Amino acid sequence: MLRQKTEGIITSASSITPSPLLMHEENILVNITPQETRVALMRSGAVQELHIERTLSRGLVGNIYLGKVIRVLPGMQSAFVNIGLERAAFLHVADIWHPRNGIDTVTPQPPIEKTIFEGQTITVQVIKDPIGTKGTRLSTQISIAGRALVYLPQNSHIGISQRIPSEAERQVLRDKIQSLVPNHEKGGFIVRTMAEDAGDAELVNDIEYLRKSWQTIEEVGSRKPAPTLLYQDLNLAQRVLRDFVNEDTGEILVDSRETFGQLRTFAAAYTPAVLEKLTHYRGEQPLFDLYKVEKEIERVLSRRVDLKSGGYLIIDQTEAMTTIDVNTGCFVGARNFDDTIFKTNLEASLMIARQLRLRNLGGIIIIDFIDMENPDHRDSVFTELKKALERDRARVTVSNFSPLGLVEMTRKRTRESLAHLLCEPCAVCSGKGQVKTPSTLCYEILREILRESRQFNPREFRLIASQAIIDLFLEEESQHLAMLINFIGKPISLQVEASFHQEQYDIILI
C-alpha cells in the first residue's frame, strides 16, 4: 500500500475515488507540506482559484506593526516607515487615517509633512505585499477581519459589504449589528456577506473576538519598542475557514491529519457551522493529483490558454500591465465568420475571468477580443465578461469597448501573481522571452574583436563561447572569421565553454 507523508505525519489508507459532491458543488482542497500550504477552490470539477503560502515567506497583508517613520518626502506626499523588514515600507498620504468631524464628513486631507514627522512611532497595517520593485504598502487605518464582520477600532460607523445589493437587506443587517453592539464601546464594523446567514450568537462571538484582538494589540504596542509586529493575520489554512467558505461550499478536504485537527479546533471556536464540511483526506494518491490540480498549475504558467472551441488566449504579464489577446485558432464550427468570432469571444470572456483568479493577475489589464462588427455581439460579450467577473473576490472595475476595440479593466492587486511566486526570469533571456540568434551573436563578436584590436595590441585573441557559437564559426561563418584574422593580423583561437548559455561569451586578450 502506498503511503503519504504530510507535515512529518505518515497516513495510509485505501485509495478513494473522487466524491460526486466535488463534481457538482463548490469545494475546497487543502494540500499541506512542511514547506508550503496550497489551496484550490473547485467548482463543477474545475479549478477556479489557487492560493499558495510558503512557510518561509508568508504574506504580510493584514499584519499590524508598530513602526517608526524614517523619512518624510513632501514632494511625493509619502513617507518611509521601518517596520522591521529588509526594506522600509511605503506610506502614502491617502492611506493616512483622519477622524471624521461632528457632521460625519471627512475633513480635508492635510499635507503629509503636517501629519507625521521623522522619528515618530505609529501603528500601521500592511495593505499590499511587496510586488516586483515596489515595497510593502501601509495604511494607518486599522481593520481586523473576522468571519462575519470586520472591526474598525478607529471608526464608529457600521458599513455593509457592497456584495449585498438589496437596500432592505442592508438596513436589516445594519440594525441587527447596532442592536448587538453596546453603545458605550468604541469602534465600528463592516458587515461581510457571511453575516447574511449568521445567527445572533455567532455575530456576538465575532464581535467579542475582534474586540479582544484589538485590546491585545494595544497592550503589546504600549510596552514594546518600534519596530515590532503587533498582530499577524491567520495562516492560509485558517483563512480558508474565515474567508472562502460559504453556503455553496460542499466539502473542505484537508490532506494533513495535524492541520485537520487544528482546523477543527479553530472552527469549533470561531466558525462552528463549518465543522461538518471539514473532511480528512486519507487517500493513497496525492490530493492535488487526484483532482488534476497539479496539471492545472502547469497550464496556468503557460502564455497560451486553449479554449474548448479551438480558439485560444495569449496572456502576457509585464510590470505595468497584463495584456490578453483572443484568437479564433482552429475554431470553424459556426455557420459564418461573424458567429465564429462571437462564440469564441463569449467563451473567452468566461475563461479570462477564471484565468485572472487562477493567476492572481492585478493592476491594469487590457483585453483584445477579436473584432466584432455587430454592436449586439459586443454588448453580449461585455455583459458576459462582467457577469463572470462578479465571482471575483478582488475588487474589479471594467470599462466597455474602447474606440480601438479594447476592453480596459483594473483588478486590485495585494499579492504577487502566481507566476511571480512560482517562477523567476529566465537566466538566458532575462525575462525578454527571446534570445539573439547564433548568427547575430557571431557578427556581434566579430565587431567586438575588431573594436578591441584598434584599442589594444595583444599577441592573440581567444574567444570562449557556447558550443553553438563555436560550431558556427567553424562552419558557416569560418570565411568571415578568416577575413577578420587577415585584416587585424592577429590569430583568433576558439574555445567551447559548456556552462555558457547562447548569449554568453568572453573575449580574452593574450
Protein backbone atom coordinates (compact mmCIF):
# COMPACT_ATOMS: atom_id res chain seq x y z
CA MET A 1 0.00 0.00 0.00
CA LEU A 2 1.29 3.47 -0.86
CA ARG A 3 1.89 5.90 1.98
CA GLN A 4 1.63 9.66 2.02
CA LYS A 5 3.70 11.88 4.32
CA THR A 6 2.44 15.32 5.30
CA GLU A 7 3.94 17.55 7.96
CA GLY A 8 6.00 14.71 9.31
CA ILE A 9 2.93 12.52 9.90
CA ILE A 10 2.51 9.44 7.76
CA THR A 11 -1.02 8.37 6.94
CA SER A 12 -2.11 5.42 4.90
CA ALA A 13 -5.48 4.28 3.65
CA SER A 14 -7.08 2.69 0.67
CA SER A 15 -7.48 4.90 -2.38
CA ILE A 16 -10.73 6.82 -2.72
CA THR A 17 -12.45 7.89 -5.87
CA PRO A 18 -13.50 11.50 -6.39
CA SER A 19 -16.66 12.28 -4.47
CA PRO A 20 -19.67 13.01 -6.68
CA LEU A 21 -20.15 16.06 -4.47
CA LEU A 22 -16.87 17.51 -5.74
CA MET A 23 -18.10 17.37 -9.29
CA HIS A 24 -21.22 19.49 -8.75
CA GLU A 25 -20.68 21.94 -5.89
CA GLU A 26 -18.09 24.46 -4.84
CA ASN A 27 -15.43 22.63 -2.84
CA ILE A 28 -12.04 23.39 -1.36
CA LEU A 29 -8.88 21.26 -1.43
CA VAL A 30 -6.15 21.99 1.13
CA ASN A 31 -2.73 20.46 0.47
CA ILE A 32 -0.24 20.71 3.35
CA THR A 33 3.51 20.10 3.32
CA PRO A 34 6.10 21.40 5.81
CA GLN A 35 7.30 23.98 3.28
CA GLU A 36 4.01 25.33 1.92
CA THR A 37 0.22 25.30 2.04
CA ARG A 38 -1.73 25.16 -1.23
CA VAL A 39 -5.46 25.71 -1.59
CA ALA A 40 -7.58 25.04 -4.67
CA LEU A 41 -11.17 26.21 -4.96
CA MET A 42 -13.14 23.87 -7.21
CA ARG A 43 -16.45 24.44 -8.96
CA SER A 44 -18.10 21.78 -11.13
CA GLY A 45 -14.87 19.80 -11.03
CA ALA A 46 -12.72 22.65 -12.40
CA VAL A 47 -10.15 24.73 -10.51
CA GLN A 48 -11.39 28.30 -10.07
CA GLU A 49 -8.81 29.76 -7.68
CA LEU A 50 -5.33 28.83 -6.49
CA HIS A 51 -3.70 30.14 -3.32
CA ILE A 52 -0.16 29.31 -2.18
CA GLU A 53 1.55 30.30 1.05
CA ARG A 54 5.13 29.31 1.79
CA THR A 55 6.35 28.79 5.33
CA LEU A 56 9.48 30.92 4.89
CA SER A 57 7.75 33.77 3.03
CA ARG A 58 4.24 34.23 4.39
CA GLY A 59 2.31 37.19 3.01
CA LEU A 60 2.21 40.35 5.11
CA VAL A 61 -1.21 41.72 4.13
CA GLY A 62 -3.31 42.28 7.24
CA ASN A 63 -0.34 42.33 9.62
CA ILE A 64 -0.25 45.23 12.10
CA TYR A 65 3.08 46.76 13.16
CA LEU A 66 4.37 49.40 15.48
CA GLY A 67 6.64 51.25 13.07
CA LYS A 68 8.98 54.23 13.10
CA VAL A 69 8.93 56.94 10.42
CA ILE A 70 12.43 57.17 8.98
CA ARG A 71 11.84 59.65 6.16
CA VAL A 72 9.10 62.03 5.02
CA LEU A 73 9.00 63.07 1.35
CA PRO A 74 6.76 66.15 0.91
CA GLY A 75 7.33 66.17 -2.85
CA MET A 76 5.81 62.68 -3.17
CA GLN A 77 3.39 63.17 -0.24
CA SER A 78 4.75 59.89 1.10
CA ALA A 79 6.86 58.52 3.91
CA PHE A 80 9.08 55.51 4.53
CA VAL A 81 8.41 53.56 7.70
CA ASN A 82 10.65 50.96 9.36
CA ILE A 83 8.51 48.00 10.40
CA GLY A 84 11.37 45.55 10.83
CA LEU A 85 11.65 44.27 7.24
CA GLU A 86 14.73 44.35 5.00
CA ARG A 87 13.29 47.29 3.08
CA ALA A 88 11.41 50.24 4.53
CA ALA A 89 7.68 50.19 3.89
CA PHE A 90 5.81 52.90 1.95
CA LEU A 91 3.04 55.10 3.39
CA HIS A 92 1.14 57.49 1.09
CA VAL A 93 -0.79 60.47 2.40
CA ALA A 94 -4.03 58.99 1.00
CA ASP A 95 -3.58 55.98 3.32
CA ILE A 96 -3.32 58.05 6.49
CA TRP A 97 -6.48 57.83 8.59
CA HIS A 98 -8.09 61.04 9.87
CA PRO A 99 -11.04 61.21 12.26
CA ARG A 100 -14.37 62.41 10.98
CA ASN A 101 -15.76 65.71 12.24
CA GLY A 102 -19.03 66.21 14.06
CA ILE A 103 -21.24 66.17 10.95
CA ASP A 104 -19.79 62.83 9.84
CA THR A 105 -17.88 64.14 6.84
CA VAL A 106 -14.22 63.65 6.10
CA THR A 107 -12.08 66.69 6.84
CA PRO A 108 -9.76 67.97 4.06
CA GLN A 109 -6.57 65.89 3.80
CA PRO A 110 -3.65 67.85 5.31
CA PRO A 111 -0.16 67.55 3.76
CA ILE A 112 1.86 64.60 4.99
CA GLU A 113 4.56 66.84 6.49
CA LYS A 114 1.91 68.32 8.81
CA THR A 115 0.60 64.87 9.77
CA ILE A 116 3.67 62.81 10.63
CA PHE A 117 7.33 63.52 11.29
CA GLU A 118 10.64 61.64 11.14
CA GLY A 119 11.27 59.54 14.24
CA GLN A 120 7.55 59.27 15.04
CA THR A 121 6.21 55.93 16.27
CA ILE A 122 2.96 54.96 14.54
CA THR A 123 0.70 51.91 14.29
CA VAL A 124 0.33 50.76 10.69
CA GLN A 125 -1.22 47.87 8.78
CA VAL A 126 0.07 46.23 5.59
CA ILE A 127 -2.37 46.66 2.70
CA LYS A 128 -0.09 45.42 -0.10
CA ASP A 129 2.74 42.91 -0.11
CA PRO A 130 5.99 43.91 -1.87
CA ILE A 131 5.40 43.33 -5.58
CA GLY A 132 8.33 43.39 -8.01
CA THR A 133 10.40 46.51 -7.30
CA LYS A 134 7.64 48.09 -5.19
CA GLY A 135 7.94 47.79 -1.43
CA THR A 136 5.34 46.96 1.19
CA ARG A 137 2.47 49.48 1.27
CA LEU A 138 0.98 50.61 4.57
CA SER A 139 -2.11 52.30 5.95
CA THR A 140 -2.76 53.86 9.34
CA GLN A 141 -6.44 52.86 9.15
CA ILE A 142 -6.59 49.60 11.05
CA SER A 143 -9.06 46.80 10.32
CA ILE A 144 -9.25 43.31 11.80
CA ALA A 145 -11.19 40.69 9.86
CA GLY A 146 -13.45 38.14 11.46
CA ARG A 147 -15.67 35.65 9.71
CA ALA A 148 -18.84 37.74 9.57
CA LEU A 149 -17.52 41.19 10.47
CA VAL A 150 -14.51 43.44 10.00
CA TYR A 151 -13.67 45.55 13.05
CA LEU A 152 -12.64 49.20 12.60
CA PRO A 153 -11.32 50.33 16.01
CA GLN A 154 -10.79 53.95 14.88
CA ASN A 155 -14.28 54.45 13.39
CA SER A 156 -17.76 54.41 14.81
CA HIS A 157 -19.99 53.71 11.80
CA ILE A 158 -21.40 50.40 10.55
CA GLY A 159 -20.86 49.67 6.85
CA ILE A 160 -22.29 46.92 4.70
CA SER A 161 -20.42 44.89 2.06
CA GLN A 162 -21.10 46.08 -1.47
CA ARG A 163 -21.73 42.46 -2.41
CA ILE A 164 -25.08 42.72 -0.60
CA PRO A 165 -27.06 44.73 -3.19
CA SER A 166 -30.52 44.78 -1.59
CA GLU A 167 -31.02 48.03 0.32
CA ALA A 168 -33.68 46.44 2.52
CA GLU A 169 -31.35 43.59 3.46
CA ARG A 170 -28.53 46.04 4.10
CA GLN A 171 -30.70 48.00 6.52
CA VAL A 172 -31.79 44.82 8.35
CA LEU A 173 -28.13 43.83 8.85
CA ARG A 174 -27.19 47.33 9.97
CA ASP A 175 -29.97 47.38 12.56
CA LYS A 176 -29.03 43.91 13.79
CA ILE A 177 -25.37 44.84 14.36
CA GLN A 178 -26.32 48.09 16.08
CA SER A 179 -28.55 46.14 18.46
CA LEU A 180 -25.68 43.77 19.33
CA VAL A 181 -23.02 46.43 19.89
CA PRO A 182 -23.11 48.21 23.28
CA ASN A 183 -23.41 51.99 22.85
CA HIS A 184 -20.57 52.77 25.27
CA GLU A 185 -17.99 50.73 23.34
CA LYS A 186 -15.91 52.39 20.65
CA GLY A 187 -15.23 51.11 17.15
CA GLY A 188 -17.19 50.37 14.01
CA PHE A 189 -17.83 47.35 11.84
CA ILE A 190 -18.11 46.36 8.20
CA VAL A 191 -20.67 43.60 7.72
CA ARG A 192 -19.38 40.86 5.39
CA THR A 193 -21.57 38.66 3.18
CA MET A 194 -21.06 35.81 5.67
CA ALA A 195 -23.24 37.75 8.12
CA GLU A 196 -26.35 37.15 5.99
CA ASP A 197 -26.63 33.58 7.30
CA ALA A 198 -25.09 34.16 10.73
CA GLY A 199 -27.17 33.97 13.91
CA ASP A 200 -27.00 36.47 16.75
CA ALA A 201 -24.78 34.20 18.86
CA GLU A 202 -22.25 33.85 16.05
CA LEU A 203 -22.20 37.61 15.48
CA VAL A 204 -21.73 38.29 19.20
CA ASN A 205 -18.83 35.82 19.28
CA ASP A 206 -17.27 37.58 16.30
CA ILE A 207 -17.64 40.98 17.97
CA GLU A 208 -16.06 39.77 21.23
CA TYR A 209 -13.19 38.04 19.41
CA LEU A 210 -12.39 41.14 17.34
CA ARG A 211 -12.52 43.49 20.32
CA LYS A 212 -10.24 41.21 22.37
CA SER A 213 -7.79 41.06 19.44
CA TRP A 214 -7.63 44.86 19.35
CA GLN A 215 -7.16 45.09 23.13
CA THR A 216 -4.22 42.68 22.86
CA ILE A 217 -2.71 44.76 20.05
CA GLU A 218 -2.97 47.94 22.14
CA GLU A 219 -1.44 46.25 25.18
CA VAL A 220 1.53 44.87 23.22
CA GLY A 221 2.04 48.20 21.44
CA SER A 222 2.14 50.11 24.74
CA ARG A 223 5.03 48.12 26.18
CA LYS A 224 7.19 47.19 23.17
CA PRO A 225 9.54 49.46 21.18
CA ALA A 226 9.23 50.09 17.43
CA PRO A 227 9.61 48.31 15.12
CA THR A 228 7.62 45.30 16.26
CA LEU A 229 4.89 43.01 14.94
CA LEU A 230 1.68 43.53 16.90
CA TYR A 231 -0.71 41.26 15.02
CA GLN A 232 -0.29 38.63 12.33
CA ASP A 233 -3.16 37.61 10.09
CA LEU A 234 -4.30 33.99 10.07
CA ASN A 235 -2.35 31.46 8.02
CA LEU A 236 -3.78 30.34 4.69
CA ALA A 237 -5.43 27.17 6.05
CA GLN A 238 -7.28 29.19 8.70
CA ARG A 239 -8.23 31.92 6.23
CA VAL A 240 -9.96 29.23 4.18
CA LEU A 241 -12.48 28.80 7.01
CA ARG A 242 -12.81 32.53 7.61
CA ASP A 243 -12.89 33.92 4.07
CA PHE A 244 -13.54 31.20 1.49
CA VAL A 245 -16.31 29.02 2.88
CA ASN A 246 -19.88 29.99 2.02
CA GLU A 247 -23.32 28.39 1.77
CA ASP A 248 -22.40 26.83 -1.59
CA THR A 249 -19.31 25.06 -0.21
CA GLY A 250 -19.78 21.29 -0.12
CA GLU A 251 -16.56 19.80 1.29
CA ILE A 252 -13.22 21.04 2.58
CA LEU A 253 -10.72 18.24 2.01
CA VAL A 254 -7.51 18.50 4.07
CA ASP A 255 -4.69 16.02 3.40
CA SER A 256 -2.81 16.55 6.70
CA ARG A 257 -4.04 14.93 9.92
CA GLU A 258 -2.30 17.54 12.07
CA THR A 259 -3.71 20.52 10.14
CA PHE A 260 -7.14 18.86 10.00
CA GLY A 261 -7.13 18.69 13.80
CA GLN A 262 -6.03 22.32 14.08
CA LEU A 263 -8.75 23.46 11.70
CA ARG A 264 -11.42 21.52 13.62
CA THR A 265 -10.31 23.26 16.83
CA PHE A 266 -10.31 26.64 15.09
CA ALA A 267 -13.72 26.00 13.51
CA ALA A 268 -15.24 24.86 16.80
CA ALA A 269 -14.19 28.15 18.41
CA TYR A 270 -14.93 30.63 15.62
CA THR A 271 -16.93 29.02 12.78
CA PRO A 272 -18.98 26.09 14.17
CA ALA A 273 -21.12 25.87 11.02
CA VAL A 274 -18.06 24.85 9.01
CA LEU A 275 -17.23 21.80 11.15
CA GLU A 276 -19.46 19.44 9.20
CA LYS A 277 -17.81 20.47 5.92
CA LEU A 278 -14.29 19.54 7.06
CA THR A 279 -13.03 16.15 5.84
CA HIS A 280 -9.65 14.50 6.37
CA TYR A 281 -8.42 13.10 3.05
CA ARG A 282 -6.62 9.77 3.61
CA GLY A 283 -6.25 8.57 0.04
CA GLU A 284 -3.09 6.98 -1.36
CA GLN A 285 -2.96 9.27 -4.38
CA PRO A 286 -1.88 12.87 -3.61
CA LEU A 287 -4.92 15.14 -3.29
CA PHE A 288 -3.88 17.61 -5.99
CA ASP A 289 -3.08 14.75 -8.38
CA LEU A 290 -6.44 13.10 -7.80
CA TYR A 291 -8.36 16.22 -8.81
CA LYS A 292 -5.88 17.24 -11.55
CA VAL A 293 -4.83 20.44 -9.80
CA GLU A 294 -1.12 19.84 -10.49
CA LYS A 295 -1.83 19.79 -14.23
CA GLU A 296 -3.84 22.99 -13.90
CA ILE A 297 -0.92 24.71 -12.16
CA GLU A 298 1.34 23.77 -15.09
CA ARG A 299 -1.19 25.20 -17.55
CA VAL A 300 -1.51 28.41 -15.56
CA LEU A 301 2.22 29.07 -16.02
CA SER A 302 1.89 28.99 -19.81
CA ARG A 303 1.31 32.07 -22.02
CA ARG A 304 -1.21 30.19 -24.11
CA VAL A 305 -4.60 29.06 -22.83
CA ASP A 306 -6.59 26.81 -25.15
CA LEU A 307 -10.37 27.12 -25.37
CA LYS A 308 -12.63 24.12 -25.86
CA SER A 309 -13.87 25.50 -29.18
CA GLY A 310 -10.36 25.53 -30.67
CA GLY A 311 -9.65 29.20 -30.03
CA TYR A 312 -7.01 30.33 -27.56
CA LEU A 313 -5.80 33.19 -25.37
CA ILE A 314 -2.30 34.66 -25.17
CA ILE A 315 -1.62 36.20 -21.75
CA ASP A 316 1.44 38.42 -21.31
CA GLN A 317 2.26 39.90 -17.93
CA THR A 318 4.55 42.92 -17.59
CA GLU A 319 5.35 45.13 -14.63
CA ALA A 320 2.98 47.87 -15.83
CA MET A 321 0.04 45.81 -17.09
CA THR A 322 -1.27 42.49 -18.36
CA THR A 323 -2.46 42.03 -21.94
CA ILE A 324 -4.81 39.27 -23.08
CA ASP A 325 -5.22 38.53 -26.78
CA VAL A 326 -8.12 36.40 -28.04
CA ASN A 327 -7.66 34.29 -31.21
CA THR A 328 -10.02 32.00 -33.12
CA GLY A 329 -7.34 29.38 -33.70
CA CYS A 330 -8.80 26.37 -35.49
CA PHE A 331 -12.42 27.04 -34.50
CA VAL A 332 -14.64 26.91 -37.61
CA GLY A 333 -17.76 25.44 -36.05
CA ALA A 334 -20.19 28.32 -36.62
CA ARG A 335 -22.22 28.87 -39.79
CA ASN A 336 -20.49 32.10 -40.71
CA PHE A 337 -17.40 34.05 -39.73
CA ASP A 338 -19.27 36.57 -37.54
CA ASP A 339 -20.83 33.79 -35.49
CA THR A 340 -17.44 32.09 -35.16
CA ILE A 341 -15.92 35.29 -33.76
CA PHE A 342 -18.89 35.88 -31.46
CA LYS A 343 -18.85 32.38 -29.97
CA THR A 344 -15.07 32.48 -29.49
CA ASN A 345 -15.29 35.82 -27.69
CA LEU A 346 -18.13 34.58 -25.47
CA GLU A 347 -16.13 31.53 -24.43
CA ALA A 348 -13.03 33.69 -23.98
CA SER A 349 -14.82 36.08 -21.61
CA LEU A 350 -15.58 33.21 -19.21
CA MET A 351 -12.05 31.85 -19.45
CA ILE A 352 -10.48 35.30 -18.95
CA ALA A 353 -12.37 35.83 -15.68
CA ARG A 354 -11.25 32.39 -14.49
CA GLN A 355 -7.61 32.95 -15.51
CA LEU A 356 -7.47 36.27 -13.67
CA ARG A 357 -8.47 34.47 -10.48
CA LEU A 358 -6.21 31.47 -11.08
CA ARG A 359 -3.14 33.53 -11.91
CA ASN A 360 -3.99 36.29 -9.39
CA LEU A 361 -3.36 38.94 -12.03
CA GLY A 362 -3.81 42.52 -10.87
CA GLY A 363 -3.29 46.12 -11.87
CA ILE A 364 -4.20 47.32 -15.37
CA ILE A 365 -5.50 44.59 -17.70
CA ILE A 366 -6.11 45.12 -21.43
CA ILE A 367 -8.24 42.58 -23.31
CA ASP A 368 -8.08 42.44 -27.10
CA PHE A 369 -11.16 40.49 -28.18
CA ILE A 370 -11.49 39.53 -31.83
CA ASP A 371 -13.05 42.47 -33.71
CA MET A 372 -16.85 42.30 -33.88
CA GLU A 373 -18.81 44.39 -36.35
CA ASN A 374 -22.19 43.66 -34.77
CA PRO A 375 -22.88 46.01 -31.80
CA ASP A 376 -25.22 43.44 -30.23
CA HIS A 377 -22.39 40.90 -30.22
CA ARG A 378 -20.08 43.39 -28.46
CA ASP A 379 -22.75 44.14 -25.85
CA SER A 380 -23.34 40.44 -25.22
CA VAL A 381 -19.63 39.70 -24.82
CA PHE A 382 -19.16 42.63 -22.45
CA THR A 383 -22.20 41.59 -20.39
CA GLU A 384 -20.90 38.02 -20.18
CA LEU A 385 -17.48 39.27 -19.06
CA LYS A 386 -18.98 41.47 -16.33
CA LYS A 387 -21.15 38.60 -15.13
CA ALA A 388 -18.14 36.26 -14.95
CA LEU A 389 -16.12 38.87 -13.05
CA GLU A 390 -18.78 39.11 -10.34
CA ARG A 391 -17.40 35.90 -8.80
CA ASP A 392 -14.04 37.56 -8.16
CA ARG A 393 -13.09 38.24 -4.52
CA ALA A 394 -10.80 41.08 -5.61
CA ARG A 395 -12.24 44.50 -6.44
CA VAL A 396 -12.66 44.79 -10.21
CA THR A 397 -13.59 47.75 -12.41
CA VAL A 398 -14.17 47.25 -16.12
CA SER A 399 -14.85 49.69 -18.99
CA ASN A 400 -16.78 48.93 -22.16
CA PHE A 401 -15.10 48.54 -25.56
CA SER A 402 -12.87 51.49 -26.43
CA PRO A 403 -12.78 53.07 -29.92
CA LEU A 404 -9.85 50.72 -30.65
CA GLY A 405 -11.96 47.69 -29.74
CA LEU A 406 -10.15 47.02 -26.44
CA VAL A 407 -11.66 46.30 -23.03
CA GLU A 408 -9.78 48.02 -20.23
CA MET A 409 -10.10 46.91 -16.63
CA THR A 410 -8.34 47.00 -13.29
CA ARG A 411 -8.17 44.32 -10.61
CA LYS A 412 -6.99 45.07 -7.10
CA ARG A 413 -3.54 43.62 -6.51
CA THR A 414 -2.44 42.88 -2.95
CA ARG A 415 -0.09 39.93 -3.50
CA GLU A 416 2.30 38.66 -6.15
CA SER A 417 0.79 36.85 -9.10
CA LEU A 418 1.10 33.07 -9.22
CA ALA A 419 3.75 33.28 -11.96
CA HIS A 420 5.89 35.67 -9.91
CA LEU A 421 5.52 33.42 -6.89
CA LEU A 422 6.43 30.18 -8.65
CA CYS A 423 8.84 31.38 -11.34
CA GLU A 424 11.78 33.72 -11.90
CA PRO A 425 13.12 35.44 -15.04
CA CYS A 426 14.94 33.14 -17.46
CA ALA A 427 18.71 33.16 -16.86
CA VAL A 428 19.29 33.21 -20.63
CA CYS A 429 16.83 35.82 -21.88
CA SER A 430 16.45 37.75 -18.55
CA GLY A 431 12.70 37.90 -18.98
CA LYS A 432 12.70 39.18 -22.58
CA GLY A 433 11.17 35.97 -23.85
CA GLN A 434 13.66 35.72 -26.71
CA VAL A 435 17.42 35.36 -27.34
CA LYS A 436 19.69 36.57 -30.11
CA THR A 437 20.28 34.09 -32.91
CA PRO A 438 23.73 32.45 -33.22
CA SER A 439 24.40 34.42 -36.43
CA THR A 440 23.58 37.73 -34.69
CA LEU A 441 25.96 36.82 -31.87
CA CYS A 442 28.73 35.83 -34.29
CA TYR A 443 28.58 39.22 -36.03
CA GLU A 444 28.48 40.95 -32.63
CA ILE A 445 31.63 39.05 -31.59
CA LEU A 446 33.44 39.92 -34.84
CA ARG A 447 32.68 43.62 -34.32
CA GLU A 448 33.87 43.44 -30.71
CA ILE A 449 37.19 41.80 -31.69
CA LEU A 450 37.73 44.45 -34.38
CA ARG A 451 36.98 47.22 -31.84
CA GLU A 452 39.46 45.80 -29.31
CA SER A 453 42.15 45.26 -31.93
CA ARG A 454 42.15 49.01 -32.57
CA GLN A 455 42.47 49.84 -28.87
CA PHE A 456 44.97 47.18 -27.78
CA ASN A 457 47.86 45.26 -29.30
CA PRO A 458 47.67 41.68 -27.97
CA ARG A 459 49.55 38.74 -29.43
CA GLU A 460 46.36 36.72 -29.81
CA PHE A 461 42.58 36.83 -29.21
CA ARG A 462 40.84 33.88 -27.56
CA LEU A 463 37.05 33.54 -27.89
CA ILE A 464 35.27 31.48 -25.22
CA ALA A 465 31.62 30.80 -26.09
CA SER A 466 28.89 28.15 -26.16
CA GLN A 467 29.04 25.12 -28.43
CA ALA A 468 26.51 26.58 -30.89
CA ILE A 469 28.56 29.76 -31.43
CA ILE A 470 31.89 27.94 -31.83
CA ASP A 471 30.32 25.46 -34.27
CA LEU A 472 29.01 28.34 -36.38
CA PHE A 473 32.46 29.96 -36.52
CA LEU A 474 33.97 26.64 -37.60
CA GLU A 475 31.36 26.10 -40.33
CA GLU A 476 29.13 28.77 -41.90
CA GLU A 477 30.99 31.78 -40.52
CA SER A 478 34.52 30.39 -40.97
CA GLN A 479 35.16 32.59 -44.02
CA HIS A 480 34.17 35.78 -42.13
CA LEU A 481 36.40 34.76 -39.21
CA ALA A 482 39.34 34.17 -41.57
CA MET A 483 38.81 37.57 -43.22
CA LEU A 484 38.93 39.28 -39.80
CA ILE A 485 42.13 37.40 -38.84
CA ASN A 486 43.79 38.59 -42.05
CA PHE A 487 42.56 42.17 -41.53
CA ILE A 488 43.79 42.59 -37.92
CA GLY A 489 46.89 40.42 -38.40
CA LYS A 490 46.33 38.54 -35.13
CA PRO A 491 45.36 34.91 -34.58
CA ILE A 492 41.94 34.15 -33.02
CA SER A 493 41.60 30.85 -31.13
CA LEU A 494 38.24 29.29 -30.24
CA GLN A 495 37.29 27.53 -27.01
CA VAL A 496 33.98 25.91 -26.02
CA GLU A 497 32.59 26.53 -22.53
CA ALA A 498 29.75 24.10 -21.88
CA SER A 499 28.35 26.13 -18.98
CA PHE A 500 27.79 29.24 -21.15
CA HIS A 501 24.31 29.94 -22.49
CA GLN A 502 23.88 31.10 -26.08
CA GLU A 503 24.27 34.84 -25.44
CA GLN A 504 27.23 34.47 -23.10
CA TYR A 505 30.81 34.80 -24.34
CA ASP A 506 34.24 36.14 -23.33
CA ILE A 507 37.00 37.64 -25.48
CA ILE A 508 40.41 37.25 -23.84
CA LEU A 509 43.45 39.25 -24.94
CA ILE A 510 46.69 37.26 -24.70
